[in-house]
Full PDB file with SEQRES, HELIX, SHEET, SSBOND, CRYST1, ORIGX, SCALE, CONECT and MASTER records, all heavy atoms in Angstrom:
SEQRES   1 A   34  LEU ILE ARG LEU ALA ALA ALA THR ARG LYS PRO LEU ILE          
SEQRES   2 A   34  ILE SER THR GLY MET ALA SER ILE ALA GLU ILE HIS ALA          
SEQRES   3 A   34  ALA VAL GLU THR ALA ARG ASP ALA                              
HELIX    1 AA1 ILE A    2  ALA A    6  1                                   5    
HELIX    2 AA2 ILE A   21  ASP A   33  1                                  13    
CRYST1    1.000    1.000    1.000  90.00  90.00  90.00 P 1           1          
ORIGX1      1.000000  0.000000  0.000000        0.00000                         
ORIGX2      0.000000  1.000000  0.000000        0.00000                         
ORIGX3      0.000000  0.000000  1.000000        0.00000                         
SCALE1      1.000000  0.000000  0.000000        0.00000                         
SCALE2      0.000000  1.000000  0.000000        0.00000                         
SCALE3      0.000000  0.000000  1.000000        0.00000                         
ATOM      1  N   LEU A   1      -6.395   0.060  -6.129  1.00  0.00           N  
ATOM      2  CA  LEU A   1      -6.807  -1.074  -5.316  1.00  0.00           C  
ATOM      3  C   LEU A   1      -6.332  -0.944  -3.900  1.00  0.00           C  
ATOM      4  O   LEU A   1      -7.082  -1.178  -2.924  1.00  0.00           O  
ATOM      5  CB  LEU A   1      -6.331  -2.405  -5.903  1.00  0.00           C  
ATOM      6  CG  LEU A   1      -6.691  -3.687  -5.148  1.00  0.00           C  
ATOM      7  CD1 LEU A   1      -8.203  -3.905  -5.201  1.00  0.00           C  
ATOM      8  CD2 LEU A   1      -5.961  -4.855  -5.739  1.00  0.00           C  
ATOM      9  N   ILE A   2      -5.084  -0.521  -3.760  1.00  0.00           N  
ATOM     10  CA  ILE A   2      -4.537  -0.312  -2.412  1.00  0.00           C  
ATOM     11  C   ILE A   2      -5.279   0.772  -1.659  1.00  0.00           C  
ATOM     12  O   ILE A   2      -5.647   0.661  -0.491  1.00  0.00           O  
ATOM     13  CB  ILE A   2      -3.017   0.041  -2.486  1.00  0.00           C  
ATOM     14  CG1 ILE A   2      -2.255  -1.153  -2.987  1.00  0.00           C  
ATOM     15  CG2 ILE A   2      -2.481   0.540  -1.124  1.00  0.00           C  
ATOM     16  CD1 ILE A   2      -0.762  -0.874  -3.265  1.00  0.00           C  
ATOM     17  N   ARG A   3      -5.596   1.828  -2.405  1.00  0.00           N  
ATOM     18  CA  ARG A   3      -6.373   2.950  -1.791  1.00  0.00           C  
ATOM     19  C   ARG A   3      -7.708   2.498  -1.303  1.00  0.00           C  
ATOM     20  O   ARG A   3      -8.169   2.830  -0.232  1.00  0.00           O  
ATOM     21  CB  ARG A   3      -6.497   4.087  -2.803  1.00  0.00           C  
ATOM     22  CG  ARG A   3      -7.084   5.369  -2.210  1.00  0.00           C  
ATOM     23  CD  ARG A   3      -7.070   6.488  -3.305  1.00  0.00           C  
ATOM     24  NE  ARG A   3      -5.663   6.841  -3.674  1.00  0.00           N  
ATOM     25  CZ  ARG A   3      -5.178   6.614  -4.863  1.00  0.00           C  
ATOM     26  NH1 ARG A   3      -5.870   5.973  -5.798  1.00  0.00           N  
ATOM     27  NH2 ARG A   3      -3.943   6.954  -5.141  1.00  0.00           N  
ATOM     28  N   LEU A   4      -8.376   1.670  -2.084  1.00  0.00           N  
ATOM     29  CA  LEU A   4      -9.746   1.173  -1.739  1.00  0.00           C  
ATOM     30  C   LEU A   4      -9.637   0.275  -0.511  1.00  0.00           C  
ATOM     31  O   LEU A   4     -10.479   0.337   0.409  1.00  0.00           O  
ATOM     32  CB  LEU A   4     -10.299   0.465  -2.925  1.00  0.00           C  
ATOM     33  CG  LEU A   4     -11.814   0.115  -2.853  1.00  0.00           C  
ATOM     34  CD1 LEU A   4     -12.658   1.394  -2.751  1.00  0.00           C  
ATOM     35  CD2 LEU A   4     -12.224  -0.650  -4.098  1.00  0.00           C  
ATOM     36  N   ALA A   5      -8.649  -0.625  -0.499  1.00  0.00           N  
ATOM     37  CA  ALA A   5      -8.538  -1.499   0.672  1.00  0.00           C  
ATOM     38  C   ALA A   5      -8.206  -0.743   1.941  1.00  0.00           C  
ATOM     39  O   ALA A   5      -8.677  -1.003   3.033  1.00  0.00           O  
ATOM     40  CB  ALA A   5      -7.444  -2.573   0.402  1.00  0.00           C  
ATOM     41  N   ALA A   6      -7.269   0.236   1.790  1.00  0.00           N  
ATOM     42  CA  ALA A   6      -6.860   1.031   2.952  1.00  0.00           C  
ATOM     43  C   ALA A   6      -8.007   1.876   3.489  1.00  0.00           C  
ATOM     44  O   ALA A   6      -8.121   2.151   4.676  1.00  0.00           O  
ATOM     45  CB  ALA A   6      -5.693   1.904   2.576  1.00  0.00           C  
ATOM     46  N   ALA A   7      -8.917   2.274   2.598  1.00  0.00           N  
ATOM     47  CA  ALA A   7     -10.044   3.160   2.995  1.00  0.00           C  
ATOM     48  C   ALA A   7     -11.012   2.430   3.912  1.00  0.00           C  
ATOM     49  O   ALA A   7     -11.844   3.071   4.574  1.00  0.00           O  
ATOM     50  CB  ALA A   7     -10.750   3.664   1.769  1.00  0.00           C  
ATOM     51  N   THR A   8     -10.913   1.108   4.010  1.00  0.00           N  
ATOM     52  CA  THR A   8     -11.759   0.371   4.931  1.00  0.00           C  
ATOM     53  C   THR A   8     -11.290   0.574   6.396  1.00  0.00           C  
ATOM     54  O   THR A   8     -12.007   0.210   7.332  1.00  0.00           O  
ATOM     55  CB  THR A   8     -11.760  -1.149   4.678  1.00  0.00           C  
ATOM     56  OG1 THR A   8     -10.430  -1.652   4.896  1.00  0.00           O  
ATOM     57  CG2 THR A   8     -12.168  -1.425   3.253  1.00  0.00           C  
ATOM     58  N   ARG A   9     -10.109   1.159   6.558  1.00  0.00           N  
ATOM     59  CA  ARG A   9      -9.477   1.405   7.862  1.00  0.00           C  
ATOM     60  C   ARG A   9      -9.124   0.114   8.613  1.00  0.00           C  
ATOM     61  O   ARG A   9      -8.931   0.100   9.807  1.00  0.00           O  
ATOM     62  CB  ARG A   9     -10.378   2.294   8.769  1.00  0.00           C  
ATOM     63  CG  ARG A   9     -10.778   3.611   8.103  1.00  0.00           C  
ATOM     64  CD  ARG A   9      -9.554   4.448   7.790  1.00  0.00           C  
ATOM     65  NE  ARG A   9      -9.854   5.679   7.108  1.00  0.00           N  
ATOM     66  CZ  ARG A   9      -9.892   6.884   7.670  1.00  0.00           C  
ATOM     67  NH1 ARG A   9      -9.594   6.997   8.960  1.00  0.00           N  
ATOM     68  NH2 ARG A   9     -10.174   7.972   6.973  1.00  0.00           N  
ATOM     69  N   LYS A  10      -9.020  -0.986   7.851  1.00  0.00           N  
ATOM     70  CA  LYS A  10      -8.653  -2.244   8.466  1.00  0.00           C  
ATOM     71  C   LYS A  10      -7.134  -2.483   8.257  1.00  0.00           C  
ATOM     72  O   LYS A  10      -6.528  -1.859   7.363  1.00  0.00           O  
ATOM     73  CB  LYS A  10      -9.434  -3.400   7.848  1.00  0.00           C  
ATOM     74  CG  LYS A  10     -10.915  -3.325   8.222  1.00  0.00           C  
ATOM     75  CD  LYS A  10     -11.709  -4.427   7.583  1.00  0.00           C  
ATOM     76  CE  LYS A  10     -13.192  -4.335   8.015  1.00  0.00           C  
ATOM     77  NZ  LYS A  10     -14.019  -5.349   7.339  1.00  0.00           N  
ATOM     78  N   PRO A  11      -6.481  -3.307   9.066  1.00  0.00           N  
ATOM     79  CA  PRO A  11      -5.080  -3.588   8.876  1.00  0.00           C  
ATOM     80  C   PRO A  11      -4.820  -4.059   7.410  1.00  0.00           C  
ATOM     81  O   PRO A  11      -5.586  -4.809   6.846  1.00  0.00           O  
ATOM     82  CB  PRO A  11      -4.751  -4.672   9.884  1.00  0.00           C  
ATOM     83  CG  PRO A  11      -5.792  -4.466  10.933  1.00  0.00           C  
ATOM     84  CD  PRO A  11      -7.027  -4.011  10.228  1.00  0.00           C  
ATOM     85  N   LEU A  12      -3.670  -3.620   6.880  1.00  0.00           N  
ATOM     86  CA  LEU A  12      -3.335  -3.944   5.527  1.00  0.00           C  
ATOM     87  C   LEU A  12      -1.951  -4.568   5.508  1.00  0.00           C  
ATOM     88  O   LEU A  12      -1.006  -4.115   6.137  1.00  0.00           O  
ATOM     89  CB  LEU A  12      -3.320  -2.669   4.668  1.00  0.00           C  
ATOM     90  CG  LEU A  12      -3.242  -2.820   3.149  1.00  0.00           C  
ATOM     91  CD1 LEU A  12      -4.422  -3.602   2.601  1.00  0.00           C  
ATOM     92  CD2 LEU A  12      -3.144  -1.444   2.484  1.00  0.00           C  
ATOM     93  N   ILE A  13      -1.834  -5.668   4.758  1.00  0.00           N  
ATOM     94  CA  ILE A  13      -0.567  -6.384   4.561  1.00  0.00           C  
ATOM     95  C   ILE A  13      -0.205  -6.266   3.102  1.00  0.00           C  
ATOM     96  O   ILE A  13      -1.014  -6.659   2.227  1.00  0.00           O  
ATOM     97  CB  ILE A  13      -0.698  -7.855   5.001  1.00  0.00           C  
ATOM     98  CG1 ILE A  13      -1.122  -7.962   6.472  1.00  0.00           C  
ATOM     99  CG2 ILE A  13       0.629  -8.608   4.815  1.00  0.00           C  
ATOM    100  CD1 ILE A  13      -1.637  -9.301   6.863  1.00  0.00           C  
ATOM    101  N   ILE A  14       1.012  -5.842   2.815  1.00  0.00           N  
ATOM    102  CA  ILE A  14       1.432  -5.636   1.453  1.00  0.00           C  
ATOM    103  C   ILE A  14       2.671  -6.529   1.158  1.00  0.00           C  
ATOM    104  O   ILE A  14       3.706  -6.387   1.858  1.00  0.00           O  
ATOM    105  CB  ILE A  14       1.775  -4.199   1.084  1.00  0.00           C  
ATOM    106  CG1 ILE A  14       0.564  -3.317   1.341  1.00  0.00           C  
ATOM    107  CG2 ILE A  14       2.280  -4.046  -0.309  1.00  0.00           C  
ATOM    108  CD1 ILE A  14       0.808  -1.807   1.134  1.00  0.00           C  
ATOM    109  N   SER A  15       2.573  -7.418   0.154  1.00  0.00           N  
ATOM    110  CA  SER A  15       3.714  -8.182  -0.258  1.00  0.00           C  
ATOM    111  C   SER A  15       4.531  -7.433  -1.289  1.00  0.00           C  
ATOM    112  O   SER A  15       3.941  -6.745  -2.140  1.00  0.00           O  
ATOM    113  CB  SER A  15       3.270  -9.536  -0.908  1.00  0.00           C  
ATOM    114  OG  SER A  15       3.402 -10.584  -0.003  1.00  0.00           O  
ATOM    115  N   THR A  16       5.857  -7.547  -1.239  1.00  0.00           N  
ATOM    116  CA  THR A  16       6.722  -6.695  -2.017  1.00  0.00           C  
ATOM    117  C   THR A  16       7.505  -7.482  -3.091  1.00  0.00           C  
ATOM    118  O   THR A  16       8.501  -6.974  -3.605  1.00  0.00           O  
ATOM    119  CB  THR A  16       7.713  -5.940  -1.134  1.00  0.00           C  
ATOM    120  OG1 THR A  16       8.501  -6.915  -0.429  1.00  0.00           O  
ATOM    121  CG2 THR A  16       6.954  -5.068  -0.100  1.00  0.00           C  
ATOM    122  N   GLY A  17       7.104  -8.696  -3.453  1.00  0.00           N  
ATOM    123  CA  GLY A  17       7.760  -9.431  -4.464  1.00  0.00           C  
ATOM    124  C   GLY A  17       7.887  -8.651  -5.788  1.00  0.00           C  
ATOM    125  O   GLY A  17       6.923  -8.046  -6.231  1.00  0.00           O  
ATOM    126  N   MET A  18       9.054  -8.609  -6.353  1.00  0.00           N  
ATOM    127  CA  MET A  18       9.360  -7.981  -7.629  1.00  0.00           C  
ATOM    128  C   MET A  18       9.446  -6.447  -7.546  1.00  0.00           C  
ATOM    129  O   MET A  18       9.842  -5.797  -8.498  1.00  0.00           O  
ATOM    130  CB  MET A  18       8.339  -8.296  -8.724  1.00  0.00           C  
ATOM    131  CG  MET A  18       8.174  -9.796  -8.984  1.00  0.00           C  
ATOM    132  SD  MET A  18       6.877 -10.154 -10.178  1.00  0.00           S  
ATOM    133  CE  MET A  18       5.382  -9.777  -9.183  1.00  0.00           C  
ATOM    134  N   ALA A  19       9.094  -5.862  -6.407  1.00  0.00           N  
ATOM    135  CA  ALA A  19       8.945  -4.400  -6.291  1.00  0.00           C  
ATOM    136  C   ALA A  19      10.249  -3.698  -6.048  1.00  0.00           C  
ATOM    137  O   ALA A  19      11.128  -4.167  -5.323  1.00  0.00           O  
ATOM    138  CB  ALA A  19       7.952  -4.034  -5.209  1.00  0.00           C  
ATOM    139  N   SER A  20      10.364  -2.516  -6.659  1.00  0.00           N  
ATOM    140  CA  SER A  20      11.509  -1.625  -6.391  1.00  0.00           C  
ATOM    141  C   SER A  20      11.216  -0.816  -5.139  1.00  0.00           C  
ATOM    142  O   SER A  20      10.107  -0.787  -4.622  1.00  0.00           O  
ATOM    143  CB  SER A  20      11.690  -0.660  -7.538  1.00  0.00           C  
ATOM    144  OG  SER A  20      10.592   0.226  -7.657  1.00  0.00           O  
ATOM    145  N   ILE A  21      12.253  -0.164  -4.649  1.00  0.00           N  
ATOM    146  CA  ILE A  21      12.045   0.727  -3.504  1.00  0.00           C  
ATOM    147  C   ILE A  21      11.046   1.801  -3.770  1.00  0.00           C  
ATOM    148  O   ILE A  21      10.135   2.140  -2.931  1.00  0.00           O  
ATOM    149  CB  ILE A  21      13.393   1.345  -3.051  1.00  0.00           C  
ATOM    150  CG1 ILE A  21      14.290   0.281  -2.387  1.00  0.00           C  
ATOM    151  CG2 ILE A  21      13.204   2.465  -2.063  1.00  0.00           C  
ATOM    152  CD1 ILE A  21      15.660   0.772  -2.044  1.00  0.00           C  
ATOM    153  N   ALA A  22      11.080   2.366  -4.968  1.00  0.00           N  
ATOM    154  CA  ALA A  22      10.081   3.372  -5.342  1.00  0.00           C  
ATOM    155  C   ALA A  22       8.681   2.868  -5.340  1.00  0.00           C  
ATOM    156  O   ALA A  22       7.701   3.531  -4.861  1.00  0.00           O  
ATOM    157  CB  ALA A  22      10.445   3.971  -6.747  1.00  0.00           C  
ATOM    158  N   GLU A  23       8.513   1.647  -5.852  1.00  0.00           N  
ATOM    159  CA  GLU A  23       7.118   1.064  -5.889  1.00  0.00           C  
ATOM    160  C   GLU A  23       6.675   0.755  -4.482  1.00  0.00           C  
ATOM    161  O   GLU A  23       5.469   0.940  -4.183  1.00  0.00           O  
ATOM    162  CB  GLU A  23       7.149  -0.186  -6.784  1.00  0.00           C  
ATOM    163  CG  GLU A  23       7.335   0.148  -8.243  1.00  0.00           C  
ATOM    164  CD  GLU A  23       7.696  -1.095  -9.087  1.00  0.00           C  
ATOM    165  OE1 GLU A  23       8.172  -2.094  -8.525  1.00  0.00           O  
ATOM    166  OE2 GLU A  23       7.462  -1.037 -10.308  1.00  0.00           O  
ATOM    167  N   ILE A  24       7.542   0.250  -3.598  1.00  0.00           N  
ATOM    168  CA  ILE A  24       7.170   0.000  -2.226  1.00  0.00           C  
ATOM    169  C   ILE A  24       6.756   1.329  -1.552  1.00  0.00           C  
ATOM    170  O   ILE A  24       5.774   1.398  -0.862  1.00  0.00           O  
ATOM    171  CB  ILE A  24       8.288  -0.706  -1.478  1.00  0.00           C  
ATOM    172  CG1 ILE A  24       8.552  -2.082  -2.033  1.00  0.00           C  
ATOM    173  CG2 ILE A  24       8.006  -0.788   0.012  1.00  0.00           C  
ATOM    174  CD1 ILE A  24       9.820  -2.766  -1.571  1.00  0.00           C  
ATOM    175  N   HIS A  25       7.579   2.333  -1.744  1.00  0.00           N  
ATOM    176  CA  HIS A  25       7.277   3.657  -1.133  1.00  0.00           C  
ATOM    177  C   HIS A  25       5.936   4.166  -1.596  1.00  0.00           C  
ATOM    178  O   HIS A  25       5.097   4.631  -0.794  1.00  0.00           O  
ATOM    179  CB  HIS A  25       8.377   4.676  -1.524  1.00  0.00           C  
ATOM    180  CG  HIS A  25       8.094   6.047  -1.047  1.00  0.00           C  
ATOM    181  ND1 HIS A  25       8.269   6.429   0.252  1.00  0.00           N  
ATOM    182  CD2 HIS A  25       7.645   7.117  -1.690  1.00  0.00           C  
ATOM    183  CE1 HIS A  25       7.952   7.690   0.405  1.00  0.00           C  
ATOM    184  NE2 HIS A  25       7.552   8.160  -0.808  1.00  0.00           N  
ATOM    185  N   ALA A  26       5.664   4.042  -2.911  1.00  0.00           N  
ATOM    186  CA  ALA A  26       4.368   4.550  -3.435  1.00  0.00           C  
ATOM    187  C   ALA A  26       3.206   3.757  -2.821  1.00  0.00           C  
ATOM    188  O   ALA A  26       2.163   4.377  -2.459  1.00  0.00           O  
ATOM    189  CB  ALA A  26       4.358   4.423  -4.962  1.00  0.00           C  
ATOM    190  N   ALA A  27       3.329   2.455  -2.727  1.00  0.00           N  
ATOM    191  CA  ALA A  27       2.237   1.639  -2.159  1.00  0.00           C  
ATOM    192  C   ALA A  27       2.009   1.996  -0.633  1.00  0.00           C  
ATOM    193  O   ALA A  27       0.873   2.165  -0.243  1.00  0.00           O  
ATOM    194  CB  ALA A  27       2.589   0.187  -2.266  1.00  0.00           C  
ATOM    195  N   VAL A  28       3.092   2.156   0.108  1.00  0.00           N  
ATOM    196  CA  VAL A  28       2.981   2.450   1.527  1.00  0.00           C  
ATOM    197  C   VAL A  28       2.350   3.865   1.711  1.00  0.00           C  
ATOM    198  O   VAL A  28       1.474   4.018   2.560  1.00  0.00           O  
ATOM    199  CB  VAL A  28       4.339   2.346   2.193  1.00  0.00           C  
ATOM    200  CG1 VAL A  28       4.333   2.979   3.595  1.00  0.00           C  
ATOM    201  CG2 VAL A  28       4.806   0.900   2.282  1.00  0.00           C  
ATOM    202  N   GLU A  29       2.827   4.813   0.950  1.00  0.00           N  
ATOM    203  CA  GLU A  29       2.307   6.164   1.099  1.00  0.00           C  
ATOM    204  C   GLU A  29       0.813   6.198   0.670  1.00  0.00           C  
ATOM    205  O   GLU A  29       0.016   6.880   1.296  1.00  0.00           O  
ATOM    206  CB  GLU A  29       3.129   7.129   0.219  1.00  0.00           C  
ATOM    207  CG  GLU A  29       4.513   7.413   0.761  1.00  0.00           C  
ATOM    208  CD  GLU A  29       4.454   7.947   2.190  1.00  0.00           C  
ATOM    209  OE1 GLU A  29       3.895   9.048   2.367  1.00  0.00           O  
ATOM    210  OE2 GLU A  29       4.986   7.300   3.113  1.00  0.00           O  
ATOM    211  N   THR A  30       0.448   5.486  -0.388  1.00  0.00           N  
ATOM    212  CA  THR A  30      -0.910   5.441  -0.795  1.00  0.00           C  
ATOM    213  C   THR A  30      -1.799   4.848   0.271  1.00  0.00           C  
ATOM    214  O   THR A  30      -2.882   5.381   0.605  1.00  0.00           O  
ATOM    215  CB  THR A  30      -1.086   4.588  -2.101  1.00  0.00           C  
ATOM    216  OG1 THR A  30      -0.356   5.227  -3.145  1.00  0.00           O  
ATOM    217  CG2 THR A  30      -2.540   4.428  -2.498  1.00  0.00           C  
ATOM    218  N   ALA A  31      -1.318   3.757   0.875  1.00  0.00           N  
ATOM    219  CA  ALA A  31      -2.128   3.129   1.944  1.00  0.00           C  
ATOM    220  C   ALA A  31      -2.298   4.059   3.124  1.00  0.00           C  
ATOM    221  O   ALA A  31      -3.425   4.218   3.657  1.00  0.00           O  
ATOM    222  CB  ALA A  31      -1.431   1.844   2.418  1.00  0.00           C  
ATOM    223  N   ARG A  32      -1.243   4.702   3.554  1.00  0.00           N  
ATOM    224  CA  ARG A  32      -1.331   5.615   4.708  1.00  0.00           C  
ATOM    225  C   ARG A  32      -2.206   6.833   4.435  1.00  0.00           C  
ATOM    226  O   ARG A  32      -2.995   7.270   5.237  1.00  0.00           O  
ATOM    227  CB  ARG A  32       0.055   5.991   5.192  1.00  0.00           C  
ATOM    228  CG  ARG A  32       0.793   4.809   5.836  1.00  0.00           C  
ATOM    229  CD  ARG A  32       2.080   5.227   6.496  1.00  0.00           C  
ATOM    230  NE  ARG A  32       2.585   4.124   7.332  1.00  0.00           N  
ATOM    231  CZ  ARG A  32       3.800   3.676   7.306  1.00  0.00           C  
ATOM    232  NH1 ARG A  32       4.702   4.253   6.475  1.00  0.00           N  
ATOM    233  NH2 ARG A  32       4.191   2.726   8.125  1.00  0.00           N  
ATOM    234  N   ASP A  33      -2.020   7.371   3.205  1.00  0.00           N  
ATOM    235  CA  ASP A  33      -2.819   8.543   2.843  1.00  0.00           C  
ATOM    236  C   ASP A  33      -4.317   8.258   2.785  1.00  0.00           C  
ATOM    237  O   ASP A  33      -5.158   9.119   3.000  1.00  0.00           O  
ATOM    238  CB  ASP A  33      -2.389   9.086   1.463  1.00  0.00           C  
ATOM    239  CG  ASP A  33      -1.019   9.765   1.554  1.00  0.00           C  
ATOM    240  OD1 ASP A  33      -0.507  10.024   2.658  1.00  0.00           O  
ATOM    241  OD2 ASP A  33      -0.406   9.992   0.499  1.00  0.00           O  
ATOM    242  N   ALA A  34      -4.654   6.967   2.451  1.00  0.00           N  
ATOM    243  CA  ALA A  34      -6.061   6.555   2.377  1.00  0.00           C  
ATOM    244  C   ALA A  34      -6.684   6.162   3.684  1.00  0.00           C  
ATOM    245  O   ALA A  34      -7.831   5.797   3.767  1.00  0.00           O  
ATOM    246  CB  ALA A  34      -6.186   5.412   1.376  1.00  0.00           C  
TER     247      ALA A  34                                                      
MASTER        0    0    0    2    0    0    0    6  246    1    0    3          
END                                                                             
């Protein structure tokens, strides 16, 4: 889902409730890679 939203090339805001550092890192890297 993050990859699909990031692929629109629009600004992306990610909430980090409940997330570990590893999960945050994965989400951020996925968004940037997309």
